[in-house]
Amino acid sequence: MAWWANKLSETGAVLELGHVIPSGATHNAKPAEAGDHIIARFDNGLVDIKLSFS
C-alpha cells in the first residue's frame, strides 16, 4: 500500500477518503497446464521467478 501511495504521489495524485483500493494482481490470471514453463521478469532489480507445471 505504501509503495502504491508513493507511486501515485510521483504523478501528483493523492489517495483520499472513499477511494477504493484494489488488492491482488495487477493483470489477468493466465491458465497453466502440465508441461507449461513460466518465467516472471521484473525491471526493478528483482530476480526472475521460474515456474514449471507437471
N, C-alpha and C. Protein backbone atom coordinates (compact mmCIF):
# COMPACT_ATOMS: atom_id res chain seq x y z
N MET A 1 0.82 -1.18 0.00
CA MET A 1 0.00 0.00 0.00
C MET A 1 0.87 1.25 0.00
N ALA A 2 1.92 1.24 0.82
CA ALA A 2 2.81 2.41 0.87
C ALA A 2 3.47 2.64 -0.48
N TRP A 3 3.90 1.54 -1.15
CA TRP A 3 4.53 1.67 -2.47
C TRP A 3 3.57 2.34 -3.44
N TRP A 4 2.31 1.88 -3.43
CA TRP A 4 1.31 2.42 -4.35
C TRP A 4 1.07 3.90 -4.09
N ALA A 5 0.95 4.26 -2.82
CA ALA A 5 0.73 5.67 -2.47
C ALA A 5 1.91 6.53 -2.91
N ASN A 6 3.13 6.02 -2.74
CA ASN A 6 4.32 6.76 -3.17
C ASN A 6 4.35 6.91 -4.68
N LYS A 7 4.00 5.85 -5.41
CA LYS A 7 3.97 5.94 -6.87
C LYS A 7 2.94 6.96 -7.34
N LEU A 8 1.78 6.95 -6.74
CA LEU A 8 0.75 7.93 -7.10
C LEU A 8 1.23 9.35 -6.84
N SER A 9 1.92 9.55 -5.71
CA SER A 9 2.36 10.90 -5.37
C SER A 9 3.39 11.43 -6.37
N GLU A 10 4.13 10.52 -7.03
CA GLU A 10 5.10 10.95 -8.06
C GLU A 10 4.39 11.64 -9.23
N THR A 11 3.13 11.33 -9.43
CA THR A 11 2.38 11.93 -10.53
C THR A 11 1.51 13.09 -10.06
N GLY A 12 1.55 13.36 -8.75
CA GLY A 12 0.72 14.43 -8.20
C GLY A 12 -0.63 13.95 -7.71
N ALA A 13 -0.93 12.67 -7.89
CA ALA A 13 -2.20 12.10 -7.43
C ALA A 13 -2.12 11.82 -5.94
N VAL A 14 -3.25 11.81 -5.28
CA VAL A 14 -3.30 11.52 -3.85
C VAL A 14 -4.43 10.54 -3.56
N LEU A 15 -4.27 9.78 -2.49
CA LEU A 15 -5.35 8.93 -2.01
C LEU A 15 -6.22 9.75 -1.08
N GLU A 16 -7.52 9.66 -1.27
CA GLU A 16 -8.45 10.41 -0.44
C GLU A 16 -9.48 9.48 0.17
N LEU A 17 -10.09 9.92 1.25
CA LEU A 17 -11.13 9.17 1.91
C LEU A 17 -12.20 8.77 0.90
N GLY A 18 -12.54 7.49 0.88
CA GLY A 18 -13.56 7.00 -0.03
C GLY A 18 -13.02 6.36 -1.30
N HIS A 19 -11.72 6.53 -1.59
CA HIS A 19 -11.14 5.87 -2.75
C HIS A 19 -11.12 4.36 -2.52
N VAL A 20 -11.39 3.62 -3.56
CA VAL A 20 -11.34 2.16 -3.50
C VAL A 20 -9.91 1.72 -3.77
N ILE A 21 -9.38 0.84 -2.94
CA ILE A 21 -8.02 0.35 -3.09
C ILE A 21 -8.09 -1.13 -3.45
N PRO A 22 -7.76 -1.48 -4.70
CA PRO A 22 -7.83 -2.89 -5.10
C PRO A 22 -6.69 -3.70 -4.49
N SER A 23 -6.96 -4.95 -4.26
CA SER A 23 -5.89 -5.83 -3.80
C SER A 23 -5.73 -6.95 -4.81
N GLY A 24 -4.62 -7.61 -4.77
CA GLY A 24 -4.40 -8.73 -5.69
C GLY A 24 -3.55 -8.33 -6.88
N ALA A 25 -3.64 -9.13 -7.92
CA ALA A 25 -2.80 -8.96 -9.10
C ALA A 25 -3.17 -7.70 -9.88
N THR A 26 -2.20 -7.21 -10.64
CA THR A 26 -2.43 -6.04 -11.47
C THR A 26 -2.66 -6.44 -12.93
N HIS A 27 -2.87 -7.73 -13.16
CA HIS A 27 -3.13 -8.22 -14.51
C HIS A 27 -4.05 -9.44 -14.42
N ASN A 28 -4.54 -9.88 -15.55
CA ASN A 28 -5.41 -11.06 -15.58
C ASN A 28 -4.62 -12.33 -15.31
N ALA A 29 -5.26 -13.30 -14.70
CA ALA A 29 -4.64 -14.61 -14.46
C ALA A 29 -4.53 -15.36 -15.79
N LYS A 30 -3.49 -16.11 -15.95
CA LYS A 30 -3.29 -16.92 -17.14
C LYS A 30 -3.38 -18.39 -16.73
N PRO A 31 -4.14 -19.19 -17.47
CA PRO A 31 -4.23 -20.61 -17.12
C PRO A 31 -2.90 -21.32 -17.38
N ALA A 32 -2.60 -22.32 -16.56
CA ALA A 32 -1.39 -23.12 -16.72
C ALA A 32 -1.78 -24.59 -16.73
N GLU A 33 -1.05 -25.35 -17.53
CA GLU A 33 -1.30 -26.78 -17.65
C GLU A 33 0.01 -27.53 -17.47
N ALA A 34 -0.12 -28.84 -17.26
CA ALA A 34 1.07 -29.69 -17.14
C ALA A 34 1.98 -29.48 -18.35
N GLY A 35 3.26 -29.33 -18.08
CA GLY A 35 4.24 -29.11 -19.15
C GLY A 35 4.54 -27.64 -19.41
N ASP A 36 3.75 -26.74 -18.86
CA ASP A 36 3.99 -25.30 -19.05
C ASP A 36 5.16 -24.84 -18.20
N HIS A 37 5.93 -23.90 -18.74
CA HIS A 37 7.05 -23.26 -18.03
C HIS A 37 6.82 -21.75 -18.11
N ILE A 38 6.84 -21.09 -16.99
CA ILE A 38 6.56 -19.66 -16.93
C ILE A 38 7.72 -18.96 -16.24
N ILE A 39 8.15 -17.84 -16.80
CA ILE A 39 9.20 -17.02 -16.19
C ILE A 39 8.64 -15.61 -16.01
N ALA A 40 8.71 -15.11 -14.78
CA ALA A 40 8.32 -13.73 -14.49
C ALA A 40 9.60 -12.91 -14.35
N ARG A 41 9.74 -11.87 -15.16
CA ARG A 41 10.92 -11.00 -15.11
C ARG A 41 10.48 -9.61 -14.67
N PHE A 42 11.27 -9.03 -13.79
CA PHE A 42 10.96 -7.72 -13.22
C PHE A 42 12.05 -6.74 -13.60
N ASP A 43 11.67 -5.48 -13.82
CA ASP A 43 12.64 -4.48 -14.26
C ASP A 43 13.19 -3.62 -13.12
N ASN A 44 13.00 -4.06 -11.88
CA ASN A 44 13.46 -3.25 -10.75
C ASN A 44 14.54 -3.92 -9.94
N GLY A 45 15.26 -4.86 -10.56
CA GLY A 45 16.38 -5.49 -9.88
C GLY A 45 16.06 -6.78 -9.15
N LEU A 46 14.80 -7.20 -9.16
CA LEU A 46 14.45 -8.46 -8.52
C LEU A 46 14.89 -9.62 -9.40
N VAL A 47 15.09 -10.78 -8.80
CA VAL A 47 15.46 -11.96 -9.57
C VAL A 47 14.24 -12.50 -10.33
N ASP A 48 14.50 -13.28 -11.39
CA ASP A 48 13.41 -13.92 -12.13
C ASP A 48 12.72 -14.97 -11.26
N ILE A 49 11.45 -15.18 -11.49
CA ILE A 49 10.71 -16.26 -10.84
C ILE A 49 10.35 -17.25 -11.93
N LYS A 50 10.75 -18.52 -11.75
CA LYS A 50 10.52 -19.55 -12.76
C LYS A 50 9.60 -20.61 -12.17
N LEU A 51 8.56 -20.95 -12.93
CA LEU A 51 7.60 -21.98 -12.52
C LEU A 51 7.50 -23.04 -13.60
N SER A 52 7.44 -24.29 -13.17
CA SER A 52 7.20 -25.40 -14.10
C SER A 52 6.05 -26.23 -13.54
N PHE A 53 5.13 -26.61 -14.41
CA PHE A 53 3.96 -27.38 -14.00
C PHE A 53 4.08 -28.79 -14.53
N SER A 54 3.85 -29.76 -13.64
CA SER A 54 3.96 -31.17 -14.06
C SER A 54 2.64 -31.89 -13.87
